Amino acid sequence: MKKLYVASLPYSVTDEELAQFFSQVGTVESAFVMKDKMTRRSRGFGFVEMSSEAEANAAIEKLNGADMGGRTLVVNMARPQAERPER
């Protein structure tokens, strides 16, 4: 599986809508819209896991710059999360 970072999402989009949108280019293993911990409102970005690298590359090629709900999506390969210092 390959994880994609998706930015500039409409604030109203759900995990299911995000998965459905990306399913037009391949098999979506999971889709997750990041939400604010306090308000539970969308933060405007999320992650989509595609079943193969070829499908992930197709999603970047076809959906980066695509319109979703009036917003222009930014789609890239996700980078590993940086380690955060313990508090």
C-alpha atoms as a PDB file:
ATOM      1  CA  MET A   1       0.000   0.000   0.000  1.00  0.00           C
ATOM      2  CA  LYS A   2       1.066   3.548  -0.672  1.00  0.00           C
ATOM      3  CA  LYS A   3      -0.111   6.463   1.438  1.00  0.00           C
ATOM      4  CA  LEU A   4      -0.975   9.788  -0.181  1.00  0.00           C
ATOM      5  CA  TYR A   5      -1.175  13.194   1.486  1.00  0.00           C
ATOM      6  CA  VAL A   6      -4.165  15.211   0.241  1.00  0.00           C
ATOM      7  CA  ALA A   7      -4.331  18.950   0.996  1.00  0.00           C
ATOM      8  CA  SER A   8      -6.831  21.723   0.274  1.00  0.00           C
ATOM      9  CA  LEU A   9      -9.851  19.514   0.986  1.00  0.00           C
ATOM     10  CA  PRO A  10     -13.279  21.104   1.334  1.00  0.00           C
ATOM     11  CA  TYR A  11     -13.963  21.418   5.079  1.00  0.00           C
ATOM     12  CA  SER A  12     -17.257  19.519   4.667  1.00  0.00           C
ATOM     13  CA  VAL A  13     -15.746  16.364   3.091  1.00  0.00           C
ATOM     14  CA  THR A  14     -16.070  13.060   4.979  1.00  0.00           C
ATOM     15  CA  ASP A  15     -13.780  10.035   5.027  1.00  0.00           C
ATOM     16  CA  GLU A  16     -16.298   8.182   2.834  1.00  0.00           C
ATOM     17  CA  GLU A  17     -16.506  10.997   0.255  1.00  0.00           C
ATOM     18  CA  LEU A  18     -12.716  11.190   0.091  1.00  0.00           C
ATOM     19  CA  ALA A  19     -12.481   7.418  -0.493  1.00  0.00           C
ATOM     20  CA  GLN A  20     -15.173   7.566  -3.167  1.00  0.00           C
ATOM     21  CA  PHE A  21     -13.424  10.449  -4.970  1.00  0.00           C
ATOM     22  CA  PHE A  22     -10.098   8.550  -5.083  1.00  0.00           C
ATOM     23  CA  SER A  23     -11.739   5.246  -6.081  1.00  0.00           C
ATOM     24  CA  GLN A  24     -12.126   6.620  -9.625  1.00  0.00           C
ATOM     25  CA  VAL A  25      -8.397   5.937 -10.164  1.00  0.00           C
ATOM     26  CA  GLY A  26      -7.889   2.708  -8.208  1.00  0.00           C
ATOM     27  CA  THR A  27      -8.540   0.635  -5.121  1.00  0.00           C
ATOM     28  CA  VAL A  28      -8.687   2.699  -1.936  1.00  0.00           C
ATOM     29  CA  GLU A  29      -7.586   0.786   1.172  1.00  0.00           C
ATOM     30  CA  SER A  30      -8.402   3.649   3.567  1.00  0.00           C
ATOM     31  CA  ALA A  31      -9.181   7.352   3.596  1.00  0.00           C
ATOM     32  CA  PHE A  32      -8.978   9.635   6.609  1.00  0.00           C
ATOM     33  CA  VAL A  33      -9.742  13.346   6.939  1.00  0.00           C
ATOM     34  CA  MET A  34      -7.742  14.932   9.769  1.00  0.00           C
ATOM     35  CA  LYS A  35      -9.893  16.676  12.361  1.00  0.00           C
ATOM     36  CA  ASP A  36      -9.142  19.208  15.085  1.00  0.00           C
ATOM     37  CA  LYS A  37      -8.993  17.457  18.472  1.00  0.00           C
ATOM     38  CA  MET A  38     -11.067  20.110  20.240  1.00  0.00           C
ATOM     39  CA  THR A  39     -13.726  21.077  17.681  1.00  0.00           C
ATOM     40  CA  ARG A  40     -13.794  17.820  15.637  1.00  0.00           C
ATOM     41  CA  ARG A  41     -13.942  19.996  12.481  1.00  0.00           C
ATOM     42  CA  SER A  42     -11.898  19.126   9.409  1.00  0.00           C
ATOM     43  CA  ARG A  43      -8.414  20.616   9.226  1.00  0.00           C
ATOM     44  CA  GLY A  44      -8.587  20.644   5.402  1.00  0.00           C
ATOM     45  CA  PHE A  45      -6.193  17.767   4.735  1.00  0.00           C
ATOM     46  CA  GLY A  46      -6.115  14.009   4.977  1.00  0.00           C
ATOM     47  CA  PHE A  47      -4.543  10.758   3.883  1.00  0.00           C
ATOM     48  CA  VAL A  48      -5.565   8.109   1.360  1.00  0.00           C
ATOM     49  CA  GLU A  49      -3.973   4.662   1.108  1.00  0.00           C
ATOM     50  CA  MET A  50      -4.047   3.130  -2.357  1.00  0.00           C
ATOM     51  CA  SER A  51      -3.516  -0.614  -2.847  1.00  0.00           C
ATOM     52  CA  SER A  52      -0.443  -0.283  -5.088  1.00  0.00           C
ATOM     53  CA  GLU A  53       2.281   2.152  -6.036  1.00  0.00           C
ATOM     54  CA  ALA A  54       0.954   2.265  -9.620  1.00  0.00           C
ATOM     55  CA  GLU A  55      -2.498   3.324  -8.366  1.00  0.00           C
ATOM     56  CA  ALA A  56      -0.941   5.894  -6.042  1.00  0.00           C
ATOM     57  CA  ASN A  57       1.036   7.366  -8.954  1.00  0.00           C
ATOM     58  CA  ALA A  58      -2.130   7.406 -11.101  1.00  0.00           C
ATOM     59  CA  ALA A  59      -3.974   9.236  -8.322  1.00  0.00           C
ATOM     60  CA  ILE A  60      -1.226  11.874  -8.114  1.00  0.00           C
ATOM     61  CA  GLU A  61      -1.197  12.291 -11.897  1.00  0.00           C
ATOM     62  CA  LYS A  62      -4.975  12.533 -12.296  1.00  0.00           C
ATOM     63  CA  LEU A  63      -6.136  14.171  -9.056  1.00  0.00           C
ATOM     64  CA  ASN A  64      -3.365  16.638  -8.172  1.00  0.00           C
ATOM     65  CA  GLY A  65      -4.916  19.950  -9.222  1.00  0.00           C
ATOM     66  CA  ALA A  66      -8.404  18.426  -9.561  1.00  0.00           C
ATOM     67  CA  ASP A  67     -11.466  20.284  -8.301  1.00  0.00           C
ATOM     68  CA  MET A  68     -13.305  18.860  -5.300  1.00  0.00           C
ATOM     69  CA  GLY A  69     -16.157  20.925  -3.921  1.00  0.00           C
ATOM     70  CA  GLY A  70     -14.748  24.131  -5.383  1.00  0.00           C
ATOM     71  CA  ARG A  71     -11.233  23.591  -4.003  1.00  0.00           C
ATOM     72  CA  THR A  72      -8.115  22.612  -5.949  1.00  0.00           C
ATOM     73  CA  LEU A  73      -6.588  19.474  -4.439  1.00  0.00           C
ATOM     74  CA  VAL A  74      -2.879  18.994  -3.761  1.00  0.00           C
ATOM     75  CA  VAL A  75      -1.949  15.284  -3.868  1.00  0.00           C
ATOM     76  CA  ASN A  76       1.548  13.972  -3.004  1.00  0.00           C
ATOM     77  CA  MET A  77       3.153  10.841  -1.594  1.00  0.00           C
ATOM     78  CA  ALA A  78       2.956  11.050   2.187  1.00  0.00           C
ATOM     79  CA  ARG A  79       6.238  11.417   4.035  1.00  0.00           C
ATOM     80  CA  PRO A  80       6.903   9.555   7.285  1.00  0.00           C
ATOM     81  CA  GLN A  81       5.794  11.516  10.340  1.00  0.00           C
ATOM     82  CA  ALA A  82       8.673  13.293  12.041  1.00  0.00           C
ATOM     83  CA  GLU A  83       9.325  12.224  15.585  1.00  0.00           C
ATOM     84  CA  ARG A  84       8.116  14.715  18.137  1.00  0.00           C
ATOM     85  CA  PRO A  85      10.029  15.392  21.345  1.00  0.00           C
ATOM     86  CA  GLU A  86       8.356  14.084  24.475  1.00  0.00           C
ATOM     87  CA  ARG A  87       6.981  16.692  26.846  1.00  0.00           C
END
